[in-house]
Amino acid sequence: MLSLLLYQFVSLILVPLFILALFIRSRKQIAYRQRLGERLGLVGKLDKGGIVLHAASVGEVLAIKPVVEELLAQYPQLPLTVTTFTPTGSAQVKKQFGDKVQHCYIPLDNILSVSLFLTKLKPRILILMETELWPQLIHSSYKRNIPLLLINARLSVKSLASYQKLRWLIAPALNKFHRILAQSEENRERFIALGAAPERVSHSGNLKYDIHLTDALEAKVEQLRELHIANHRVIVAGSTHQGEETLIVKAFFEVKQLYPDLLLVLVPRHPERFAKVQDLCQQHGLSVVRRASGDDITEQTDVWLVDTLGELLAFYGIADICIVAGSFFDVGGHNPLEPALFAKPIVVGPNMANFQDVCEQLLRAEGIVQLKENQQLQQQLQHLLGARDEAKSLGQHAQALLAKNQGAAQRTKTEIEQILAQ
């Protein structure tokens, strides 16, 4: 209790600093200064007594889609509220689910904001994802007898080392969960090492394997092909971060000297950086078309800059090679399974800490190329463009692994049903 009291005190006095940080962030993305009331727990006119599911940002929102669809079909009478932390996540919720779900930001993790949030929504169950471990939200829900479920739970070796320093705070929070559904056996063992009771933690699989080629997705891919009227070979670089575009653009520029028909589809992770990425490409003498313009891609186009949200998966569908970014510096990588859906060859950088288990499985299945150092990117792209059979085999192996490991969404839904039935 002493550790929790200390956390409650510190988190409360830091609220002005958190608000200030949001305003600073809003200088680049104005949405961070909007709907501040929700950050404080004032969530507005939302129906109470239902399911609350927290997905921090875009990647998590995409991952929960099969779970949300199952819950909407199973419990049409219960309001389903999907919360996020980032504005891009918020935009993806609205785009992906429309008015099928309620939406608001998750409150800042202090006793007053959390109390307002829970009092308003009165959830029958609170579901958190991956490493979203908010001690006050967890404690307040537990005290109100709101069942807690951590789904798609993951804990990298690096995160485990960091959380061990806060074990006095995190271990009690973990044991307030009704169940922790870990992505893999390795993740299960890490949560137990952090202090979770072994009987509370099970291996249910990774929700990010549960992606499917729907009619809507196929239609979107075909739409992109129609805009892409030139006879290019396409490299898609998805979810790039600052510094990575420079690396990728330089490698692309060199490889394009050997393969003039190349087109680079560049998908920055953060909307506030679209203009800077366009400038970077033009500084290298590359012709850029922005996706939001709706313009066709011609033989003269070098870079298709995707300045829209939620379209990356479809763009992987038109690729010849997929680069999954966030993996070249200290971010920890993004989801390499999305291009596997289309049997595309996948290239990632040295740092895949966020998807370590998935990456290791893909490596064992010979379904991915992981660079040992960033400077190998140009050489690897050049190699795969020349070795089409090898590239095709990489994609097929990745797709087979994806199909083999699906089912986490159904197991998650079953766990939720058991809790709600109690």
Protein backbone atom coordinates (compact mmCIF):
# COMPACT_ATOMS: atom_id res chain seq x y z
CA MET A 1 0.00 0.00 0.00
CA LEU A 2 2.88 2.35 0.74
CA SER A 3 4.18 1.98 -2.81
CA LEU A 4 0.72 2.68 -4.23
CA LEU A 5 0.26 5.75 -2.00
CA LEU A 6 3.58 7.09 -3.22
CA TYR A 7 2.54 6.50 -6.85
CA GLN A 8 -0.83 8.18 -6.26
CA PHE A 9 0.84 11.25 -4.79
CA VAL A 10 3.45 11.59 -7.52
CA SER A 11 1.01 10.92 -10.41
CA LEU A 12 -1.37 13.56 -9.06
CA ILE A 13 1.17 16.34 -8.66
CA LEU A 14 2.57 15.58 -12.12
CA VAL A 15 -0.75 16.21 -13.89
CA PRO A 16 0.18 19.81 -14.86
CA LEU A 17 3.43 18.54 -16.36
CA PHE A 18 1.61 15.88 -18.37
CA ILE A 19 -0.78 18.52 -19.70
CA LEU A 20 2.19 20.74 -20.57
CA ALA A 21 3.82 17.84 -22.39
CA LEU A 22 0.64 17.36 -24.44
CA PHE A 23 0.68 21.05 -25.39
CA ILE A 24 4.33 20.81 -26.41
CA ARG A 25 3.56 17.74 -28.51
CA SER A 26 0.62 19.61 -30.06
CA ARG A 27 2.97 22.09 -31.70
CA LYS A 28 3.62 19.34 -34.26
CA GLN A 29 0.24 17.58 -34.03
CA ILE A 30 -2.59 19.85 -32.91
CA ALA A 31 -4.82 16.93 -31.89
CA TYR A 32 -2.76 16.51 -28.72
CA ARG A 33 -4.25 19.71 -27.28
CA GLN A 34 -7.82 18.75 -28.16
CA ARG A 35 -10.29 16.83 -25.96
CA LEU A 36 -8.19 17.49 -22.87
CA GLY A 37 -11.22 16.82 -20.69
CA GLU A 38 -11.04 13.17 -21.68
CA ARG A 39 -7.43 13.03 -20.49
CA LEU A 40 -8.75 14.09 -17.08
CA GLY A 41 -11.52 11.50 -17.03
CA LEU A 42 -14.35 13.71 -18.33
CA VAL A 43 -15.47 11.41 -21.12
CA GLY A 44 -18.79 12.99 -22.04
CA LYS A 45 -21.99 11.27 -23.07
CA LEU A 46 -21.13 7.58 -23.25
CA ASP A 47 -23.31 4.61 -22.32
CA LYS A 48 -22.20 2.80 -19.18
CA GLY A 49 -22.22 -0.80 -18.00
CA GLY A 50 -20.41 -2.37 -20.95
CA ILE A 51 -16.98 -3.51 -22.10
CA VAL A 52 -13.99 -1.14 -22.07
CA LEU A 53 -11.02 -2.15 -24.22
CA HIS A 54 -7.84 -0.06 -24.29
CA ALA A 55 -5.63 -0.03 -27.40
CA ALA A 56 -2.90 2.59 -27.06
CA SER A 57 -2.23 3.49 -30.70
CA VAL A 58 -2.73 2.50 -34.34
CA GLY A 59 -0.98 -0.87 -34.19
CA GLU A 60 -3.02 -2.03 -31.21
CA VAL A 61 -6.28 -0.78 -32.76
CA LEU A 62 -5.56 -2.79 -35.89
CA ALA A 63 -4.71 -5.86 -33.79
CA ILE A 64 -7.96 -5.81 -31.80
CA LYS A 65 -10.18 -5.72 -34.88
CA PRO A 66 -11.06 -9.46 -34.85
CA VAL A 67 -11.75 -9.35 -31.09
CA VAL A 68 -13.98 -6.29 -31.40
CA GLU A 69 -15.92 -7.83 -34.27
CA GLU A 70 -16.47 -11.02 -32.22
CA LEU A 71 -17.65 -9.01 -29.19
CA LEU A 72 -20.01 -6.85 -31.24
CA ALA A 73 -21.64 -9.98 -32.64
CA GLN A 74 -21.78 -11.79 -29.28
CA TYR A 75 -22.90 -8.88 -27.10
CA PRO A 76 -24.94 -6.46 -29.24
CA GLN A 77 -26.76 -5.26 -26.11
CA LEU A 78 -23.56 -4.14 -24.33
CA PRO A 79 -21.86 -0.82 -25.13
CA LEU A 80 -18.28 -1.41 -26.24
CA THR A 81 -15.87 1.45 -25.56
CA VAL A 82 -12.45 1.45 -27.24
CA THR A 83 -9.96 3.85 -25.66
CA THR A 84 -6.62 5.02 -27.04
CA PHE A 85 -3.82 7.30 -25.90
CA THR A 86 -2.67 8.78 -29.20
CA PRO A 87 -4.68 10.92 -31.65
CA THR A 88 -3.62 8.63 -34.51
CA GLY A 89 -5.05 5.70 -32.57
CA SER A 90 -8.23 7.71 -32.02
CA ALA A 91 -8.53 8.42 -35.74
CA GLN A 92 -8.02 4.73 -36.52
CA VAL A 93 -10.80 3.69 -34.12
CA LYS A 94 -13.22 6.02 -35.88
CA LYS A 95 -12.10 4.86 -39.31
CA GLN A 96 -12.09 1.15 -38.47
CA PHE A 97 -15.24 0.85 -36.37
CA GLY A 98 -17.28 4.01 -37.04
CA ASP A 99 -20.25 4.29 -34.71
CA LYS A 100 -20.23 0.56 -33.87
CA VAL A 101 -18.17 1.35 -30.77
CA GLN A 102 -17.89 4.22 -28.31
CA HIS A 103 -14.54 5.98 -28.12
CA CYS A 104 -12.59 8.29 -25.83
CA TYR A 105 -9.03 8.76 -24.64
CA ILE A 106 -7.77 6.74 -21.67
CA PRO A 107 -7.43 9.09 -18.67
CA LEU A 108 -4.10 10.12 -17.21
CA ASP A 109 -3.20 7.58 -14.55
CA ASN A 110 -3.99 9.52 -11.39
CA ILE A 111 -6.59 8.78 -8.75
CA LEU A 112 -8.97 11.64 -9.64
CA SER A 113 -9.01 11.20 -13.41
CA VAL A 114 -9.34 7.43 -13.16
CA SER A 115 -12.16 7.75 -10.62
CA LEU A 116 -14.12 10.08 -12.92
CA PHE A 117 -13.57 7.71 -15.85
CA LEU A 118 -14.71 4.57 -14.03
CA THR A 119 -17.65 6.32 -12.36
CA LYS A 120 -18.91 7.46 -15.75
CA LEU A 121 -18.49 4.18 -17.64
CA LYS A 122 -19.02 1.60 -14.86
CA PRO A 123 -17.54 -1.18 -17.04
CA ARG A 124 -18.46 -4.81 -16.54
CA ILE A 125 -14.92 -5.69 -17.65
CA LEU A 126 -11.78 -3.66 -18.38
CA ILE A 127 -9.43 -5.09 -21.00
CA LEU A 128 -5.88 -3.77 -21.43
CA MET A 129 -3.40 -4.75 -24.14
CA GLU A 130 0.23 -5.72 -24.41
CA THR A 131 2.30 -3.66 -21.92
CA GLU A 132 -0.35 -1.12 -20.93
CA LEU A 133 0.17 -1.47 -17.18
CA TRP A 134 -1.37 1.58 -15.48
CA PRO A 135 -1.14 1.00 -11.70
CA GLN A 136 -3.87 3.44 -10.66
CA LEU A 137 -6.35 2.32 -13.32
CA ILE A 138 -5.70 -1.30 -12.37
CA HIS A 139 -6.00 -0.66 -8.63
CA SER A 140 -9.16 1.46 -8.90
CA SER A 141 -10.84 -1.11 -11.13
CA TYR A 142 -9.89 -3.92 -8.75
CA LYS A 143 -11.32 -2.01 -5.75
CA ARG A 144 -14.59 -1.56 -7.64
CA ASN A 145 -14.74 -5.30 -8.42
CA ILE A 146 -14.32 -4.66 -12.15
CA PRO A 147 -12.69 -7.77 -13.68
CA LEU A 148 -9.37 -7.02 -15.37
CA LEU A 149 -7.94 -8.82 -18.37
CA LEU A 150 -4.56 -8.23 -20.02
CA ILE A 151 -4.64 -9.53 -23.59
CA ASN A 152 -1.93 -10.01 -26.20
CA ALA A 153 0.46 -9.41 -23.32
CA ARG A 154 4.10 -8.95 -24.20
CA LEU A 155 7.22 -8.08 -22.24
CA SER A 156 10.55 -7.79 -24.02
CA VAL A 157 13.80 -8.59 -22.27
CA LYS A 158 14.57 -4.86 -22.19
CA SER A 159 11.14 -4.00 -20.74
CA LEU A 160 11.48 -6.73 -18.13
CA ALA A 161 14.76 -5.23 -16.95
CA SER A 162 13.15 -1.77 -16.74
CA TYR A 163 10.05 -3.00 -14.92
CA GLN A 164 12.14 -5.00 -12.45
CA LYS A 165 13.28 -1.66 -11.04
CA LEU A 166 9.60 -0.92 -10.31
CA ARG A 167 8.71 -4.42 -9.19
CA TRP A 168 7.37 -3.03 -5.89
CA LEU A 169 4.68 -1.25 -7.92
CA ILE A 170 4.17 -3.49 -10.96
CA ALA A 171 4.02 -6.94 -9.31
CA PRO A 172 0.96 -6.06 -7.16
CA ALA A 173 -0.73 -4.60 -10.25
CA LEU A 174 -0.16 -7.78 -12.25
CA ASN A 175 -1.82 -9.89 -9.57
CA LYS A 176 -4.99 -7.81 -9.72
CA PHE A 177 -5.69 -9.15 -13.22
CA HIS A 178 -8.20 -11.97 -13.49
CA ARG A 179 -6.06 -13.36 -16.31
CA ILE A 180 -3.01 -12.40 -18.36
CA LEU A 181 -3.05 -13.81 -21.90
CA ALA A 182 0.55 -13.78 -23.14
CA GLN A 183 1.58 -13.72 -26.79
CA SER A 184 4.07 -16.56 -26.33
CA GLU A 185 5.53 -18.92 -23.76
CA GLU A 186 8.59 -16.66 -23.50
CA ASN A 187 6.38 -13.68 -22.69
CA ARG A 188 4.47 -15.78 -20.14
CA GLU A 189 7.72 -16.62 -18.36
CA ARG A 190 8.77 -12.95 -18.27
CA PHE A 191 5.49 -11.88 -16.66
CA ILE A 192 5.95 -14.58 -14.03
CA ALA A 193 9.54 -13.41 -13.48
CA LEU A 194 8.16 -9.91 -12.91
CA GLY A 195 5.92 -11.20 -10.14
CA ALA A 196 2.69 -12.41 -11.74
CA ALA A 197 1.22 -15.55 -10.15
CA PRO A 198 1.82 -18.45 -12.60
CA GLU A 199 -1.81 -19.58 -12.46
CA ARG A 200 -2.95 -16.16 -13.72
CA VAL A 201 -0.78 -16.21 -16.86
CA SER A 202 -1.43 -18.35 -19.93
CA HIS A 203 -0.12 -18.50 -23.48
CA SER A 204 -2.97 -17.65 -25.85
CA GLY A 205 -1.06 -16.61 -28.96
CA ASN A 206 -0.56 -13.28 -30.70
CA LEU A 207 -3.59 -11.34 -31.94
CA LYS A 208 -1.47 -9.84 -34.67
CA TYR A 209 -1.45 -13.23 -36.40
CA ASP A 210 -5.25 -13.01 -36.72
CA ILE A 211 -5.38 -10.87 -39.83
CA HIS A 212 -7.33 -12.01 -42.86
CA LEU A 213 -7.71 -11.00 -46.48
CA THR A 214 -11.24 -9.58 -46.48
CA ASP A 215 -13.30 -8.45 -49.46
CA ALA A 216 -12.85 -4.83 -48.35
CA LEU A 217 -9.07 -5.22 -48.14
CA GLU A 218 -8.90 -6.86 -51.57
CA ALA A 219 -10.95 -3.99 -52.98
CA LYS A 220 -8.57 -1.46 -51.42
CA VAL A 221 -5.52 -3.22 -52.88
CA GLU A 222 -7.15 -3.25 -56.31
CA GLN A 223 -7.92 0.46 -55.97
CA LEU A 224 -4.25 1.16 -55.26
CA ARG A 225 -3.20 -0.91 -58.26
CA GLU A 226 -5.50 1.17 -60.47
CA LEU A 227 -3.83 4.38 -59.26
CA HIS A 228 -0.45 2.76 -59.81
CA ILE A 229 -0.70 2.82 -63.58
CA ALA A 230 3.02 2.60 -64.38
CA ASN A 231 4.94 -0.67 -64.72
CA HIS A 232 6.99 -0.31 -61.53
CA ARG A 233 8.49 -2.78 -59.15
CA VAL A 234 7.47 -1.57 -55.73
CA ILE A 235 9.31 -1.32 -52.42
CA VAL A 236 7.01 -0.44 -49.50
CA ALA A 237 8.63 0.99 -46.36
CA GLY A 238 6.02 0.91 -43.58
CA SER A 239 5.81 2.88 -40.31
CA THR A 240 9.07 4.77 -40.71
CA HIS A 241 10.49 6.99 -37.96
CA GLN A 242 12.84 9.95 -37.96
CA GLY A 243 16.23 8.97 -39.31
CA GLU A 244 14.92 5.84 -41.01
CA GLU A 245 13.61 7.72 -44.06
CA THR A 246 17.13 9.04 -44.71
CA LEU A 247 18.56 5.52 -44.57
CA ILE A 248 15.81 4.07 -46.77
CA VAL A 249 15.80 6.90 -49.32
CA LYS A 250 19.59 6.69 -49.74
CA ALA A 251 19.45 2.93 -50.25
CA PHE A 252 16.55 3.28 -52.68
CA PHE A 253 18.34 6.00 -54.65
CA GLU A 254 21.38 3.76 -55.16
CA VAL A 255 19.40 0.64 -56.07
CA LYS A 256 17.26 2.63 -58.50
CA GLN A 257 20.36 3.27 -60.58
CA LEU A 258 20.39 -0.47 -61.33
CA TYR A 259 16.60 -0.89 -61.46
CA PRO A 260 15.12 2.30 -63.00
CA ASP A 261 11.58 0.90 -62.78
CA LEU A 262 11.60 1.03 -58.97
CA LEU A 263 8.93 2.90 -56.98
CA LEU A 264 9.31 3.57 -53.26
CA VAL A 265 6.09 3.69 -51.22
CA LEU A 266 7.01 5.54 -48.04
CA VAL A 267 4.63 5.39 -45.06
CA PRO A 268 5.78 7.58 -42.13
CA ARG A 269 4.51 6.53 -38.70
CA HIS A 270 3.60 10.05 -37.51
CA PRO A 271 1.43 12.47 -39.55
CA GLU A 272 3.26 15.57 -38.33
CA ARG A 273 6.34 14.44 -40.28
CA PHE A 274 4.77 14.08 -43.73
CA ALA A 275 6.05 17.42 -45.03
CA LYS A 276 9.59 16.83 -43.75
CA VAL A 277 9.72 13.43 -45.41
CA GLN A 278 8.58 14.93 -48.69
CA ASP A 279 11.34 17.55 -48.44
CA LEU A 280 13.90 14.82 -47.75
CA CYS A 281 12.90 12.91 -50.87
CA GLN A 282 13.00 16.01 -53.04
CA GLN A 283 16.45 16.90 -51.68
CA HIS A 284 17.63 13.61 -53.16
CA GLY A 285 16.17 14.61 -56.53
CA LEU A 286 13.26 12.19 -56.29
CA SER A 287 9.83 12.90 -57.75
CA VAL A 288 7.11 12.61 -55.05
CA VAL A 289 3.35 12.05 -55.27
CA ARG A 290 1.39 12.33 -52.03
CA ARG A 291 -1.33 9.75 -51.51
CA ALA A 292 -3.88 12.31 -50.24
CA SER A 293 -3.68 14.14 -53.58
CA GLY A 294 -5.31 11.16 -55.33
CA ASP A 295 -2.96 11.62 -58.30
CA ASP A 296 -1.97 8.65 -60.45
CA ILE A 297 1.50 7.18 -60.25
CA THR A 298 3.32 7.55 -63.56
CA GLU A 299 6.63 6.30 -64.93
CA GLN A 300 8.22 9.55 -63.74
CA THR A 301 7.19 9.00 -60.10
CA ASP A 302 9.96 7.88 -57.74
CA VAL A 303 8.21 8.05 -54.34
CA TRP A 304 4.59 7.56 -53.35
CA LEU A 305 4.33 9.27 -49.97
CA VAL A 306 1.41 7.86 -47.98
CA ASP A 307 0.09 10.82 -45.97
CA THR A 308 -3.15 9.06 -44.98
CA LEU A 309 -3.97 6.80 -42.03
CA GLY A 310 -4.86 3.11 -41.91
CA GLU A 311 -3.81 2.18 -45.46
CA LEU A 312 -0.44 0.55 -44.84
CA LEU A 313 -1.80 -3.01 -44.88
CA ALA A 314 -3.33 -2.48 -48.32
CA PHE A 315 -0.10 -0.95 -49.63
CA TYR A 316 1.78 -4.08 -48.62
CA GLY A 317 -0.54 -5.86 -51.05
CA ILE A 318 1.00 -4.09 -54.07
CA ALA A 319 4.62 -4.51 -52.95
CA ASP A 320 7.44 -6.57 -54.42
CA ILE A 321 9.53 -6.07 -51.26
CA CYS A 322 8.35 -4.84 -47.84
CA ILE A 323 10.58 -3.00 -45.38
CA VAL A 324 9.07 -3.00 -41.89
CA ALA A 325 10.52 0.03 -40.16
CA GLY A 326 10.91 1.08 -36.55
CA SER A 327 13.63 -1.58 -36.60
CA PHE A 328 16.67 0.39 -37.71
CA PHE A 329 17.26 2.42 -34.55
CA ASP A 330 15.83 2.28 -31.01
CA VAL A 331 12.05 2.01 -31.59
CA GLY A 332 11.95 -1.80 -31.51
CA GLY A 333 10.21 -2.54 -34.79
CA HIS A 334 6.64 -2.78 -36.05
CA ASN A 335 4.44 -5.68 -37.10
CA PRO A 336 6.18 -7.91 -39.70
CA LEU A 337 3.11 -10.13 -40.07
CA GLU A 338 1.12 -7.64 -42.14
CA PRO A 339 3.16 -8.16 -45.34
CA ALA A 340 3.11 -11.91 -44.63
CA LEU A 341 -0.63 -11.85 -45.28
CA PHE A 342 0.17 -11.19 -48.95
CA ALA A 343 3.18 -13.58 -49.09
CA LYS A 344 5.59 -10.68 -49.57
CA PRO A 345 9.34 -10.83 -48.84
CA ILE A 346 10.03 -8.93 -45.61
CA VAL A 347 13.16 -6.99 -44.64
CA VAL A 348 13.69 -5.59 -41.13
CA GLY A 349 16.51 -3.82 -39.33
CA PRO A 350 18.59 -5.06 -36.38
CA ASN A 351 16.19 -3.95 -33.61
CA MET A 352 12.97 -5.98 -33.46
CA ALA A 353 12.61 -5.98 -29.66
CA ASN A 354 8.87 -5.22 -29.82
CA PHE A 355 8.31 -8.30 -31.99
CA GLN A 356 11.20 -10.45 -30.87
CA ASP A 357 9.21 -13.68 -30.62
CA VAL A 358 7.47 -13.15 -33.96
CA CYS A 359 10.74 -12.25 -35.66
CA GLU A 360 12.46 -15.34 -34.26
CA GLN A 361 9.65 -17.55 -35.54
CA LEU A 362 9.87 -15.96 -38.97
CA LEU A 363 13.64 -16.41 -39.02
CA ARG A 364 13.30 -20.09 -38.13
CA ALA A 365 10.71 -20.47 -40.90
CA GLU A 366 12.98 -18.65 -43.39
CA GLY A 367 10.24 -16.08 -43.86
CA ILE A 368 12.12 -12.84 -43.14
CA VAL A 369 15.46 -11.13 -43.69
CA GLN A 370 16.83 -9.35 -40.62
CA LEU A 371 19.83 -7.12 -41.20
CA LYS A 372 22.72 -7.27 -38.76
CA GLU A 373 23.50 -3.62 -39.44
CA ASN A 374 21.66 -0.79 -41.18
CA GLN A 375 24.28 -0.39 -43.89
CA GLN A 376 23.27 -3.76 -45.35
CA LEU A 377 19.91 -2.42 -46.55
CA GLN A 378 21.02 -1.36 -50.01
CA GLN A 379 22.81 -4.65 -50.63
CA GLN A 380 19.84 -6.71 -49.45
CA LEU A 381 17.32 -4.83 -51.57
CA GLN A 382 19.57 -5.23 -54.59
CA HIS A 383 19.92 -8.95 -53.89
CA LEU A 384 16.18 -9.64 -53.52
CA LEU A 385 15.34 -7.67 -56.66
CA GLY A 386 17.72 -9.90 -58.58
CA ALA A 387 16.74 -13.17 -56.86
CA ARG A 388 13.03 -13.35 -57.56
CA ASP A 389 12.65 -17.03 -56.67
CA GLU A 390 14.28 -16.46 -53.28
CA ALA A 391 12.08 -13.43 -52.65
CA LYS A 392 8.98 -15.42 -53.55
CA SER A 393 10.00 -18.25 -51.24
CA LEU A 394 10.53 -15.83 -48.33
CA GLY A 395 7.01 -14.50 -48.75
CA GLN A 396 5.44 -17.94 -49.00
CA HIS A 397 7.19 -19.14 -45.83
CA ALA A 398 6.00 -16.05 -43.94
CA GLN A 399 2.42 -16.55 -45.12
CA ALA A 400 2.48 -20.21 -44.04
CA LEU A 401 3.69 -19.27 -40.56
CA LEU A 402 0.94 -16.66 -40.28
CA ALA A 403 -1.76 -19.19 -41.13
CA LYS A 404 -0.32 -21.76 -38.70
CA ASN A 405 -0.44 -19.41 -35.70
CA GLN A 406 -3.91 -17.90 -36.01
CA GLY A 407 -6.58 -18.36 -33.35
CA ALA A 408 -5.64 -15.91 -30.57
CA ALA A 409 -8.76 -13.82 -31.18
CA GLN A 410 -11.05 -16.78 -30.56
CA ARG A 411 -9.17 -17.74 -27.39
CA THR A 412 -9.37 -14.14 -26.17
CA LYS A 413 -13.10 -14.00 -26.86
CA THR A 414 -13.62 -17.24 -24.91
CA GLU A 415 -11.82 -15.79 -21.89
CA ILE A 416 -13.95 -12.64 -22.02
CA GLU A 417 -17.13 -14.73 -22.25
CA GLN A 418 -16.13 -16.72 -19.17
CA ILE A 419 -15.54 -13.55 -17.17
CA LEU A 420 -18.81 -11.92 -18.23
CA ALA A 421 -20.72 -15.11 -17.42
CA GLN A 422 -19.62 -14.99 -13.77
